[in-house]
């Protein structure tokens, strides 16, 4: 999965596993971009469970992300089962940003409104100042998603981060949903995303 929520075939191995329902048919062809508003990001391994062959008929479609920053940009949030501590941290931070919203359904509904425009599967981008974006936020410059890392932007690819350039001034087209950007911005107890090694220490 790309930061823009696009499904691509690539041999690179991601660090995060994801789910948004059954997207494929009996012939393992992708037929829909999502089947539910519950888009989650999971651990690759949990309790020794064996998932078996990928894309089994009638089962959810297995998705993979380069890292958690990519999953957050795509609009996925931590799983309440295999990543309970991360999910509980998100819920606690979420209450600070959206005090009237409680529970997974409210969180998933808000994220769904922030990641899509409502026109087919058109991705919603968000106008934000570059100097206010926390580490782990993704922006779009031309056709290339880039991750914010300190004073730099890192070009994303399925295999890792590549070209770096200084963080510019002015306005950004942020890919990461605003509610998740705000959680990343919380300094003391922020939602710290797992980054691929290619992003640097």
N, C-alpha and C. Protein backbone atom coordinates (compact mmCIF):
# COMPACT_ATOMS: atom_id res chain seq x y z
N UNK A 1 0.83 -1.18 0.00
CA UNK A 1 0.00 0.00 0.00
C UNK A 1 0.88 1.25 0.00
N UNK A 2 0.51 2.21 -0.82
CA UNK A 2 1.24 3.47 -0.84
C UNK A 2 0.66 4.41 0.22
N UNK A 3 1.35 5.51 0.52
CA UNK A 3 0.78 6.50 1.45
C UNK A 3 -0.55 7.07 0.96
N UNK A 4 -0.81 6.99 -0.35
CA UNK A 4 -2.05 7.49 -0.92
C UNK A 4 -3.15 6.44 -0.94
N UNK A 5 -2.92 5.32 -0.27
CA UNK A 5 -3.90 4.22 -0.18
C UNK A 5 -4.04 3.43 -1.47
N UNK A 6 -3.07 3.51 -2.34
CA UNK A 6 -3.11 2.76 -3.60
C UNK A 6 -2.50 1.38 -3.39
N UNK A 7 -3.13 0.36 -3.98
CA UNK A 7 -2.60 -0.99 -3.92
C UNK A 7 -1.65 -1.21 -5.09
N UNK A 8 -0.42 -1.63 -4.79
CA UNK A 8 0.57 -1.90 -5.83
C UNK A 8 1.20 -3.26 -5.55
N UNK A 9 1.63 -3.92 -6.61
CA UNK A 9 2.34 -5.19 -6.47
C UNK A 9 3.84 -4.90 -6.46
N UNK A 10 4.52 -5.33 -5.41
CA UNK A 10 5.95 -5.06 -5.29
C UNK A 10 6.57 -6.15 -4.43
N UNK A 11 7.79 -6.61 -4.76
CA UNK A 11 8.41 -7.69 -3.99
C UNK A 11 8.99 -7.23 -2.65
N UNK A 12 9.08 -5.93 -2.39
CA UNK A 12 9.66 -5.45 -1.14
C UNK A 12 8.83 -5.94 0.05
N UNK A 13 9.50 -6.18 1.17
CA UNK A 13 8.82 -6.65 2.38
C UNK A 13 8.55 -5.47 3.30
N UNK A 14 7.31 -5.25 3.63
CA UNK A 14 6.94 -4.16 4.53
C UNK A 14 7.08 -4.57 5.99
N UNK A 15 7.00 -3.58 6.88
CA UNK A 15 7.12 -3.81 8.31
C UNK A 15 5.77 -3.86 9.03
N UNK A 16 4.71 -3.47 8.32
CA UNK A 16 3.39 -3.39 8.94
C UNK A 16 2.37 -4.09 8.04
N UNK A 17 1.44 -4.77 8.69
CA UNK A 17 0.39 -5.55 8.04
C UNK A 17 -0.92 -4.80 8.20
N UNK A 18 -1.81 -4.86 7.21
CA UNK A 18 -3.04 -4.09 7.31
C UNK A 18 -4.26 -4.83 6.80
N UNK A 19 -5.42 -4.25 7.09
CA UNK A 19 -6.70 -4.87 6.74
C UNK A 19 -7.74 -3.77 6.57
N UNK A 20 -8.51 -3.86 5.50
CA UNK A 20 -9.70 -3.01 5.33
C UNK A 20 -10.82 -3.81 4.68
N UNK A 21 -10.89 -5.10 5.04
CA UNK A 21 -11.93 -5.97 4.52
C UNK A 21 -11.51 -6.74 3.29
N UNK A 22 -12.44 -7.47 2.71
CA UNK A 22 -12.17 -8.29 1.53
C UNK A 22 -12.28 -7.42 0.28
N UNK A 23 -11.16 -7.27 -0.42
CA UNK A 23 -11.10 -6.43 -1.61
C UNK A 23 -10.98 -7.24 -2.90
N UNK A 24 -10.81 -8.55 -2.79
CA UNK A 24 -10.54 -9.38 -3.96
C UNK A 24 -11.68 -10.37 -4.21
N UNK A 25 -11.69 -10.92 -5.43
CA UNK A 25 -12.70 -11.92 -5.78
C UNK A 25 -12.11 -13.32 -5.68
N UNK A 26 -12.85 -14.31 -6.14
CA UNK A 26 -12.40 -15.70 -6.05
C UNK A 26 -11.17 -15.98 -6.91
N UNK A 27 -10.88 -15.07 -7.86
CA UNK A 27 -9.71 -15.23 -8.73
C UNK A 27 -8.54 -14.36 -8.28
N UNK A 28 -8.64 -13.83 -7.06
CA UNK A 28 -7.59 -13.01 -6.44
C UNK A 28 -7.34 -11.71 -7.21
N UNK A 29 -8.40 -11.21 -7.82
CA UNK A 29 -8.34 -9.91 -8.49
C UNK A 29 -8.96 -8.85 -7.58
N UNK A 30 -8.29 -7.71 -7.45
CA UNK A 30 -8.81 -6.63 -6.62
C UNK A 30 -10.04 -6.03 -7.29
N UNK A 31 -11.14 -5.96 -6.56
CA UNK A 31 -12.41 -5.47 -7.11
C UNK A 31 -12.90 -4.19 -6.45
N UNK A 32 -12.35 -3.83 -5.28
CA UNK A 32 -12.80 -2.62 -4.59
C UNK A 32 -11.64 -2.10 -3.75
N UNK A 33 -11.60 -0.79 -3.49
CA UNK A 33 -10.50 -0.22 -2.69
C UNK A 33 -10.66 -0.45 -1.19
N UNK A 34 -11.88 -0.67 -0.72
CA UNK A 34 -12.12 -0.96 0.69
C UNK A 34 -13.50 -1.59 0.82
N UNK A 35 -13.71 -2.31 1.92
CA UNK A 35 -15.01 -2.94 2.16
C UNK A 35 -15.62 -2.51 3.47
N UNK A 36 -14.90 -1.69 4.23
CA UNK A 36 -15.36 -1.24 5.54
C UNK A 36 -14.65 0.06 5.88
N UNK A 37 -15.18 0.81 6.82
CA UNK A 37 -14.50 2.02 7.29
C UNK A 37 -13.40 1.71 8.29
N UNK A 38 -13.34 0.46 8.75
CA UNK A 38 -12.35 0.06 9.75
C UNK A 38 -11.05 -0.33 9.05
N UNK A 39 -10.15 0.63 8.91
CA UNK A 39 -8.84 0.39 8.29
C UNK A 39 -7.83 0.30 9.42
N UNK A 40 -7.22 -0.88 9.58
CA UNK A 40 -6.32 -1.08 10.71
C UNK A 40 -4.92 -1.47 10.26
N UNK A 41 -3.97 -1.22 11.15
CA UNK A 41 -2.56 -1.57 10.92
C UNK A 41 -2.15 -2.54 12.02
N UNK A 42 -1.58 -3.68 11.62
CA UNK A 42 -1.31 -4.78 12.53
C UNK A 42 0.16 -5.15 12.57
N UNK A 43 0.49 -6.00 13.52
CA UNK A 43 1.83 -6.58 13.59
C UNK A 43 1.95 -7.67 12.53
N UNK A 44 3.16 -7.85 12.00
CA UNK A 44 3.38 -8.92 11.03
C UNK A 44 3.22 -10.29 11.69
N UNK A 45 3.60 -10.40 12.96
CA UNK A 45 3.51 -11.66 13.68
C UNK A 45 2.77 -11.43 14.99
N UNK A 46 1.89 -12.38 15.34
CA UNK A 46 1.12 -12.26 16.58
C UNK A 46 0.72 -13.63 17.08
N UNK A 47 1.18 -13.97 18.27
CA UNK A 47 0.81 -15.23 18.94
C UNK A 47 1.08 -16.47 18.11
N UNK A 48 1.99 -16.39 17.17
CA UNK A 48 2.32 -17.54 16.35
C UNK A 48 1.25 -17.95 15.36
N UNK A 49 0.24 -17.08 15.15
CA UNK A 49 -0.84 -17.42 14.22
C UNK A 49 -0.30 -17.58 12.81
N UNK A 50 -0.77 -18.62 12.13
CA UNK A 50 -0.40 -18.85 10.74
C UNK A 50 -1.57 -18.44 9.85
N UNK A 51 -1.32 -17.50 8.95
CA UNK A 51 -2.42 -16.98 8.15
C UNK A 51 -2.71 -17.82 6.91
N UNK A 52 -1.78 -18.66 6.51
CA UNK A 52 -2.02 -19.49 5.33
C UNK A 52 -1.84 -18.70 4.05
N UNK A 53 -2.30 -19.25 2.92
CA UNK A 53 -2.16 -18.57 1.63
C UNK A 53 -2.84 -17.20 1.65
N UNK A 54 -2.22 -16.25 0.96
CA UNK A 54 -2.80 -14.92 0.89
C UNK A 54 -4.02 -14.88 -0.03
N UNK A 55 -4.90 -13.92 0.23
CA UNK A 55 -6.06 -13.64 -0.61
C UNK A 55 -6.95 -14.87 -0.80
N UNK A 56 -7.32 -15.50 0.29
CA UNK A 56 -8.23 -16.63 0.22
C UNK A 56 -9.65 -16.14 -0.09
N UNK A 57 -10.43 -16.89 -0.86
CA UNK A 57 -11.79 -16.46 -1.21
C UNK A 57 -12.63 -16.17 0.03
N UNK A 58 -13.29 -15.01 0.02
CA UNK A 58 -14.17 -14.63 1.10
C UNK A 58 -13.49 -14.12 2.36
N UNK A 59 -12.15 -14.11 2.40
CA UNK A 59 -11.42 -13.62 3.57
C UNK A 59 -10.91 -12.21 3.29
N UNK A 60 -10.50 -11.51 4.34
CA UNK A 60 -10.01 -10.15 4.13
C UNK A 60 -8.72 -10.17 3.31
N UNK A 61 -8.49 -9.10 2.59
CA UNK A 61 -7.30 -8.98 1.74
C UNK A 61 -6.13 -8.50 2.59
N UNK A 62 -5.03 -9.25 2.57
CA UNK A 62 -3.86 -8.89 3.34
C UNK A 62 -3.13 -7.73 2.67
N UNK A 63 -2.88 -6.68 3.41
CA UNK A 63 -2.20 -5.50 2.91
C UNK A 63 -0.87 -5.33 3.66
N UNK A 64 0.11 -4.73 3.01
CA UNK A 64 1.40 -4.53 3.63
C UNK A 64 1.87 -3.10 3.38
N UNK A 65 2.51 -2.54 4.41
CA UNK A 65 3.01 -1.17 4.36
C UNK A 65 4.51 -1.15 4.63
N UNK A 66 5.20 -0.21 4.01
CA UNK A 66 6.64 -0.05 4.26
C UNK A 66 6.89 0.09 5.76
N UNK A 67 6.11 0.95 6.41
CA UNK A 67 6.26 1.18 7.85
C UNK A 67 4.96 1.79 8.38
N UNK A 68 4.96 2.13 9.67
CA UNK A 68 3.72 2.65 10.24
C UNK A 68 3.41 4.06 9.79
N UNK A 69 4.44 4.87 9.51
CA UNK A 69 4.17 6.22 9.00
C UNK A 69 3.40 6.13 7.68
N UNK A 70 3.74 5.14 6.85
CA UNK A 70 3.03 4.92 5.60
C UNK A 70 1.59 4.50 5.87
N UNK A 71 1.40 3.60 6.84
CA UNK A 71 0.05 3.14 7.17
C UNK A 71 -0.81 4.28 7.71
N UNK A 72 -0.23 5.13 8.55
CA UNK A 72 -0.98 6.28 9.07
C UNK A 72 -1.36 7.23 7.94
N UNK A 73 -0.42 7.48 7.02
CA UNK A 73 -0.72 8.36 5.89
C UNK A 73 -1.87 7.80 5.07
N UNK A 74 -1.89 6.49 4.89
CA UNK A 74 -2.97 5.85 4.12
C UNK A 74 -4.30 5.89 4.86
N UNK A 75 -4.28 6.25 6.15
CA UNK A 75 -5.51 6.36 6.92
C UNK A 75 -5.80 5.18 7.82
N UNK A 76 -4.80 4.33 8.06
CA UNK A 76 -4.98 3.18 8.95
C UNK A 76 -4.56 3.55 10.36
N UNK A 77 -5.21 2.93 11.35
CA UNK A 77 -4.87 3.17 12.76
C UNK A 77 -4.53 1.83 13.41
N UNK A 78 -3.84 1.84 14.57
CA UNK A 78 -3.41 0.59 15.20
C UNK A 78 -4.59 -0.35 15.52
N UNK A 79 -4.33 -1.64 15.35
CA UNK A 79 -5.31 -2.68 15.65
C UNK A 79 -5.51 -2.80 17.16
N UNK A 80 -6.76 -2.99 17.57
CA UNK A 80 -7.07 -3.11 19.00
C UNK A 80 -6.76 -4.49 19.56
N UNK A 81 -6.46 -5.46 18.69
CA UNK A 81 -6.15 -6.81 19.16
C UNK A 81 -4.65 -7.03 19.26
N UNK A 82 -3.96 -7.02 18.13
CA UNK A 82 -2.54 -7.37 18.14
C UNK A 82 -1.65 -6.21 18.58
N UNK A 83 -2.20 -5.00 18.60
CA UNK A 83 -1.42 -3.83 19.03
C UNK A 83 -2.22 -3.05 20.08
N UNK A 84 -2.64 -3.76 21.11
CA UNK A 84 -3.54 -3.16 22.10
C UNK A 84 -2.94 -1.93 22.77
N UNK A 85 -1.68 -1.97 23.15
CA UNK A 85 -1.07 -0.83 23.83
C UNK A 85 -1.05 0.39 22.92
N UNK A 86 -0.72 0.18 21.64
CA UNK A 86 -0.71 1.29 20.68
C UNK A 86 -2.12 1.83 20.46
N UNK A 87 -3.09 0.93 20.39
CA UNK A 87 -4.48 1.35 20.21
C UNK A 87 -4.96 2.16 21.41
N UNK A 88 -4.64 1.69 22.62
CA UNK A 88 -5.06 2.42 23.82
C UNK A 88 -4.42 3.80 23.87
N UNK A 89 -3.16 3.90 23.45
CA UNK A 89 -2.50 5.20 23.41
C UNK A 89 -3.21 6.12 22.43
N UNK A 90 -3.56 5.59 21.25
CA UNK A 90 -4.29 6.39 20.26
C UNK A 90 -5.62 6.87 20.83
N UNK A 91 -6.36 5.99 21.49
CA UNK A 91 -7.67 6.36 22.05
C UNK A 91 -7.51 7.48 23.07
N UNK A 92 -6.50 7.38 23.92
CA UNK A 92 -6.28 8.41 24.91
C UNK A 92 -5.95 9.75 24.29
N UNK A 93 -5.10 9.75 23.28
CA UNK A 93 -4.75 11.00 22.58
C UNK A 93 -5.94 11.52 21.79
N UNK A 94 -6.70 10.60 21.21
CA UNK A 94 -7.85 10.99 20.39
C UNK A 94 -8.86 11.78 21.22
N UNK A 95 -9.06 11.39 22.48
CA UNK A 95 -10.01 12.09 23.35
C UNK A 95 -9.62 13.55 23.56
N UNK A 96 -8.31 13.83 23.52
CA UNK A 96 -7.85 15.20 23.67
C UNK A 96 -8.21 16.04 22.45
N UNK A 97 -8.18 15.43 21.27
CA UNK A 97 -8.46 16.14 20.02
C UNK A 97 -9.96 16.17 19.73
N UNK A 98 -10.63 15.04 19.98
CA UNK A 98 -12.07 14.91 19.71
C UNK A 98 -12.77 14.43 20.99
N UNK A 99 -12.97 15.31 21.97
CA UNK A 99 -13.51 14.86 23.27
C UNK A 99 -14.90 14.25 23.22
N UNK A 100 -15.67 14.54 22.18
CA UNK A 100 -17.03 14.00 22.10
C UNK A 100 -17.08 12.67 21.35
N UNK A 101 -15.95 12.22 20.83
CA UNK A 101 -15.92 10.96 20.09
C UNK A 101 -15.31 9.86 20.95
N UNK A 102 -16.02 8.75 21.08
CA UNK A 102 -15.52 7.63 21.86
C UNK A 102 -15.69 6.34 21.08
N UNK A 103 -14.72 5.46 21.20
CA UNK A 103 -14.82 4.14 20.59
C UNK A 103 -14.29 4.07 19.17
N UNK A 104 -14.05 2.84 18.74
CA UNK A 104 -13.44 2.60 17.42
C UNK A 104 -14.33 3.10 16.29
N UNK A 105 -15.64 2.95 16.42
CA UNK A 105 -16.53 3.39 15.33
C UNK A 105 -16.42 4.88 15.08
N UNK A 106 -16.34 5.67 16.15
CA UNK A 106 -16.21 7.12 16.00
C UNK A 106 -14.87 7.49 15.39
N UNK A 107 -13.80 6.83 15.83
CA UNK A 107 -12.47 7.10 15.28
C UNK A 107 -12.44 6.75 13.80
N UNK A 108 -12.95 5.57 13.46
CA UNK A 108 -12.91 5.12 12.06
C UNK A 108 -13.78 5.99 11.17
N UNK A 109 -14.91 6.47 11.69
CA UNK A 109 -15.77 7.35 10.91
C UNK A 109 -15.10 8.68 10.61
N UNK A 110 -14.42 9.25 11.62
CA UNK A 110 -13.71 10.51 11.42
C UNK A 110 -12.58 10.35 10.42
N UNK A 111 -11.80 9.29 10.56
CA UNK A 111 -10.69 9.06 9.63
C UNK A 111 -11.19 8.84 8.21
N UNK A 112 -12.32 8.15 8.08
CA UNK A 112 -12.85 7.89 6.74
C UNK A 112 -13.23 9.19 6.05
N UNK A 113 -13.80 10.13 6.80
CA UNK A 113 -14.16 11.43 6.23
C UNK A 113 -12.92 12.24 5.86
N UNK A 114 -11.82 12.03 6.57
CA UNK A 114 -10.59 12.79 6.31
C UNK A 114 -9.74 12.20 5.19
N UNK A 115 -9.92 10.92 4.88
CA UNK A 115 -9.04 10.32 3.86
C UNK A 115 -9.65 10.32 2.47
N UNK A 116 -10.98 10.48 2.34
CA UNK A 116 -11.63 10.44 1.04
C UNK A 116 -12.48 11.69 0.82
N UNK A 117 -12.60 12.12 -0.44
CA UNK A 117 -13.40 13.31 -0.75
C UNK A 117 -14.89 13.00 -0.84
N UNK A 118 -15.25 11.73 -1.05
CA UNK A 118 -16.64 11.36 -1.27
C UNK A 118 -16.96 11.18 -2.73
N UNK A 119 -16.00 11.47 -3.62
CA UNK A 119 -16.15 11.26 -5.06
C UNK A 119 -15.38 9.99 -5.43
N UNK A 120 -16.11 8.91 -5.68
CA UNK A 120 -15.49 7.62 -5.99
C UNK A 120 -14.46 7.31 -4.89
N UNK A 121 -13.21 7.01 -5.29
CA UNK A 121 -12.16 6.72 -4.31
C UNK A 121 -11.10 7.83 -4.37
N UNK A 122 -11.54 9.06 -4.56
CA UNK A 122 -10.60 10.17 -4.66
C UNK A 122 -10.01 10.49 -3.30
N UNK A 123 -8.69 10.56 -3.25
CA UNK A 123 -7.99 10.81 -1.99
C UNK A 123 -8.08 12.28 -1.61
N UNK A 124 -8.37 12.54 -0.36
CA UNK A 124 -8.45 13.91 0.14
C UNK A 124 -7.06 14.35 0.61
N UNK A 125 -6.60 15.50 0.11
CA UNK A 125 -5.37 16.11 0.58
C UNK A 125 -5.73 17.32 1.42
N UNK A 126 -4.82 17.70 2.32
CA UNK A 126 -5.14 18.73 3.31
C UNK A 126 -4.09 19.83 3.26
N UNK A 127 -4.55 21.06 3.14
CA UNK A 127 -3.67 22.22 3.08
C UNK A 127 -3.18 22.56 4.49
N UNK A 128 -1.86 22.49 4.71
CA UNK A 128 -1.27 22.76 6.01
C UNK A 128 0.06 23.47 5.82
N UNK A 129 0.49 24.27 6.81
CA UNK A 129 1.81 24.92 6.71
C UNK A 129 2.94 23.91 6.91
N UNK A 130 3.96 23.99 6.07
CA UNK A 130 5.09 23.07 6.17
C UNK A 130 5.75 23.12 7.54
N UNK A 131 5.89 24.33 8.11
CA UNK A 131 6.64 24.46 9.35
C UNK A 131 5.89 23.93 10.56
N UNK A 132 4.64 23.50 10.38
CA UNK A 132 3.85 22.98 11.50
C UNK A 132 3.63 21.48 11.40
N UNK A 133 4.30 20.83 10.44
CA UNK A 133 4.08 19.39 10.25
C UNK A 133 5.06 18.59 11.11
N UNK A 134 4.57 17.65 11.94
CA UNK A 134 5.45 16.83 12.76
C UNK A 134 6.10 15.70 11.95
N UNK A 135 7.17 15.16 12.50
CA UNK A 135 7.82 14.01 11.89
C UNK A 135 6.81 12.88 11.69
N UNK A 136 6.93 12.17 10.57
CA UNK A 136 6.03 11.06 10.28
C UNK A 136 4.86 11.44 9.41
N UNK A 137 4.64 12.76 9.21
CA UNK A 137 3.58 13.20 8.31
C UNK A 137 4.02 13.02 6.87
N UNK A 138 3.09 12.65 5.99
CA UNK A 138 3.38 12.55 4.57
C UNK A 138 2.76 13.72 3.82
N UNK A 139 3.49 14.20 2.81
CA UNK A 139 3.00 15.27 1.94
C UNK A 139 3.14 14.78 0.50
N UNK A 140 2.47 15.46 -0.41
CA UNK A 140 2.56 15.12 -1.82
C UNK A 140 3.12 16.30 -2.58
N UNK A 141 4.23 16.03 -3.29
CA UNK A 141 4.84 17.04 -4.15
C UNK A 141 4.88 16.44 -5.55
N UNK A 142 4.08 16.95 -6.45
CA UNK A 142 3.97 16.30 -7.76
C UNK A 142 3.30 14.96 -7.58
N UNK A 143 3.97 13.89 -8.05
CA UNK A 143 3.42 12.54 -7.91
C UNK A 143 4.13 11.73 -6.83
N UNK A 144 5.09 12.32 -6.13
CA UNK A 144 5.91 11.57 -5.19
C UNK A 144 5.53 11.86 -3.75
N UNK A 145 5.05 10.86 -3.00
CA UNK A 145 4.83 11.06 -1.56
C UNK A 145 6.17 11.24 -0.85
N UNK A 146 6.20 12.15 0.12
CA UNK A 146 7.42 12.39 0.89
C UNK A 146 7.06 12.42 2.37
N UNK A 147 7.97 11.89 3.19
CA UNK A 147 7.77 11.88 4.64
C UNK A 147 8.58 13.01 5.27
N UNK A 148 7.95 13.67 6.25
CA UNK A 148 8.65 14.72 7.00
C UNK A 148 9.55 14.06 8.03
N UNK A 149 10.82 14.47 8.04
CA UNK A 149 11.80 13.93 9.00
C UNK A 149 12.73 15.06 9.38
N UNK A 150 12.49 15.68 10.53
CA UNK A 150 13.30 16.82 10.93
C UNK A 150 13.14 17.96 9.93
N UNK A 151 14.27 18.47 9.45
CA UNK A 151 14.24 19.56 8.49
C UNK A 151 14.22 19.09 7.06
N UNK A 152 13.93 17.80 6.84
CA UNK A 152 13.98 17.24 5.49
C UNK A 152 12.67 16.58 5.10
N UNK A 153 12.53 16.37 3.79
CA UNK A 153 11.48 15.54 3.22
C UNK A 153 12.16 14.35 2.55
N UNK A 154 11.65 13.15 2.81
CA UNK A 154 12.23 11.92 2.29
C UNK A 154 11.29 11.30 1.27
N UNK A 155 11.79 11.09 0.06
CA UNK A 155 10.96 10.51 -1.00
C UNK A 155 10.66 9.05 -0.67
N UNK A 156 9.38 8.66 -0.78
CA UNK A 156 8.93 7.31 -0.45
C UNK A 156 8.97 6.39 -1.66
N UNK A 157 9.27 5.11 -1.43
CA UNK A 157 9.10 4.05 -2.43
C UNK A 157 8.72 2.79 -1.66
N UNK A 158 8.18 1.76 -2.33
CA UNK A 158 7.82 0.53 -1.61
C UNK A 158 8.99 -0.13 -0.89
N UNK A 159 10.21 0.11 -1.36
CA UNK A 159 11.39 -0.54 -0.78
C UNK A 159 12.07 0.32 0.28
N UNK A 160 11.67 1.59 0.42
CA UNK A 160 12.31 2.44 1.41
C UNK A 160 12.35 3.89 0.97
N UNK A 161 12.99 4.70 1.80
CA UNK A 161 13.09 6.13 1.51
C UNK A 161 14.35 6.42 0.71
N UNK A 162 14.23 7.36 -0.23
CA UNK A 162 15.36 7.66 -1.10
C UNK A 162 15.80 9.10 -0.99
N UNK A 163 15.61 9.84 -2.08
CA UNK A 163 16.10 11.22 -2.16
C UNK A 163 15.57 12.07 -1.02
N UNK A 164 16.46 12.92 -0.51
CA UNK A 164 16.10 13.85 0.56
C UNK A 164 16.25 15.27 0.06
N UNK A 165 15.43 16.15 0.59
CA UNK A 165 15.57 17.57 0.25
C UNK A 165 15.14 18.38 1.47
N UNK A 166 15.61 19.63 1.57
CA UNK A 166 15.22 20.46 2.72
C UNK A 166 13.71 20.67 2.75
N UNK A 167 13.18 20.73 3.95
CA UNK A 167 11.77 21.05 4.11
C UNK A 167 11.53 22.48 3.62
N UNK A 168 10.63 22.66 2.66
CA UNK A 168 10.41 24.02 2.14
C UNK A 168 9.55 24.86 3.07
N UNK A 169 9.43 26.12 2.74
CA UNK A 169 8.51 27.00 3.45
C UNK A 169 7.18 27.01 2.70
N UNK A 170 6.21 27.68 3.27
CA UNK A 170 4.91 27.79 2.60
C UNK A 170 3.95 26.71 2.99
N UNK A 171 3.06 26.36 2.06
CA UNK A 171 1.97 25.44 2.32
C UNK A 171 2.27 24.06 1.74
N UNK A 172 1.76 23.05 2.41
CA UNK A 172 1.95 21.66 1.98
C UNK A 172 0.60 21.04 1.65
N UNK A 173 0.63 20.04 0.76
CA UNK A 173 -0.53 19.19 0.53
C UNK A 173 -0.30 17.92 1.34
N UNK A 174 -0.86 17.90 2.55
CA UNK A 174 -0.63 16.78 3.45
C UNK A 174 -1.50 15.59 3.07
N UNK A 175 -0.90 14.42 3.07
CA UNK A 175 -1.62 13.17 2.79
C UNK A 175 -2.18 12.59 4.09
N UNK A 176 -1.39 12.60 5.15
CA UNK A 176 -1.82 12.04 6.43
C UNK A 176 -3.06 12.77 6.93
N UNK A 177 -4.11 12.04 7.33
CA UNK A 177 -5.33 12.69 7.82
C UNK A 177 -5.04 13.66 8.97
N UNK A 178 -5.71 14.82 9.00
CA UNK A 178 -5.43 15.85 10.01
C UNK A 178 -5.51 15.37 11.45
N UNK A 179 -6.45 14.49 11.77
CA UNK A 179 -6.56 13.99 13.14
C UNK A 179 -5.30 13.23 13.54
N UNK A 180 -4.73 12.47 12.62
CA UNK A 180 -3.51 11.73 12.91
C UNK A 180 -2.30 12.66 12.94
N UNK A 181 -2.30 13.70 12.10
CA UNK A 181 -1.24 14.70 12.17
C UNK A 181 -1.21 15.33 13.55
N UNK A 182 -2.40 15.65 14.07
CA UNK A 182 -2.47 16.26 15.41
C UNK A 182 -1.95 15.33 16.48
N UNK A 183 -2.21 14.03 16.35
CA UNK A 183 -1.69 13.07 17.33
C UNK A 183 -0.17 12.96 17.21
N UNK A 184 0.36 13.02 15.99
CA UNK A 184 1.81 13.01 15.81
C UNK A 184 2.45 14.28 16.39
N UNK A 185 1.69 15.37 16.41
CA UNK A 185 2.20 16.66 16.87
C UNK A 185 2.32 16.73 18.39
N UNK A 186 1.58 15.90 19.12
CA UNK A 186 1.62 15.94 20.57
C UNK A 186 3.02 15.58 21.04
N UNK A 187 3.70 16.50 21.67
CA UNK A 187 5.12 16.33 21.96
C UNK A 187 5.40 15.31 23.06
N UNK A 188 4.69 15.39 24.17
CA UNK A 188 5.04 14.57 25.31
C UNK A 188 4.61 13.11 25.15
N UNK A 189 3.41 12.89 24.62
CA UNK A 189 2.90 11.53 24.47
C UNK A 189 2.32 11.35 23.08
N UNK A 190 3.13 11.66 22.08
CA UNK A 190 2.63 11.59 20.70
C UNK A 190 2.50 10.15 20.22
N UNK A 191 1.81 10.00 19.12
CA UNK A 191 1.70 8.71 18.45
C UNK A 191 2.96 8.54 17.60
N UNK A 192 3.99 7.92 18.15
CA UNK A 192 5.29 7.83 17.48
C UNK A 192 5.27 6.67 16.49
N UNK A 193 5.40 6.93 15.20
CA UNK A 193 5.29 5.85 14.22
C UNK A 193 6.60 5.11 14.01
N UNK A 194 6.48 3.82 13.75
CA UNK A 194 7.62 3.01 13.34
C UNK A 194 8.05 3.45 11.95
N UNK A 195 9.34 3.77 11.78
CA UNK A 195 9.87 4.18 10.49
C UNK A 195 10.83 3.13 9.96
N UNK A 196 10.83 2.96 8.64
CA UNK A 196 11.77 2.05 7.98
C UNK A 196 13.20 2.54 8.23
N UNK A 197 14.14 1.57 8.30
CA UNK A 197 15.54 1.91 8.57
C UNK A 197 16.10 2.95 7.58
N UNK A 198 15.60 2.95 6.36
CA UNK A 198 16.12 3.86 5.34
C UNK A 198 15.83 5.32 5.66
N UNK A 199 14.94 5.58 6.66
CA UNK A 199 14.63 6.95 7.06
C UNK A 199 15.72 7.51 7.96
N UNK A 200 16.62 6.67 8.47
CA UNK A 200 17.66 7.12 9.39
C UNK A 200 17.31 6.75 10.81
N UNK A 201 18.29 6.90 11.69
CA UNK A 201 18.12 6.48 13.09
C UNK A 201 17.02 7.29 13.77
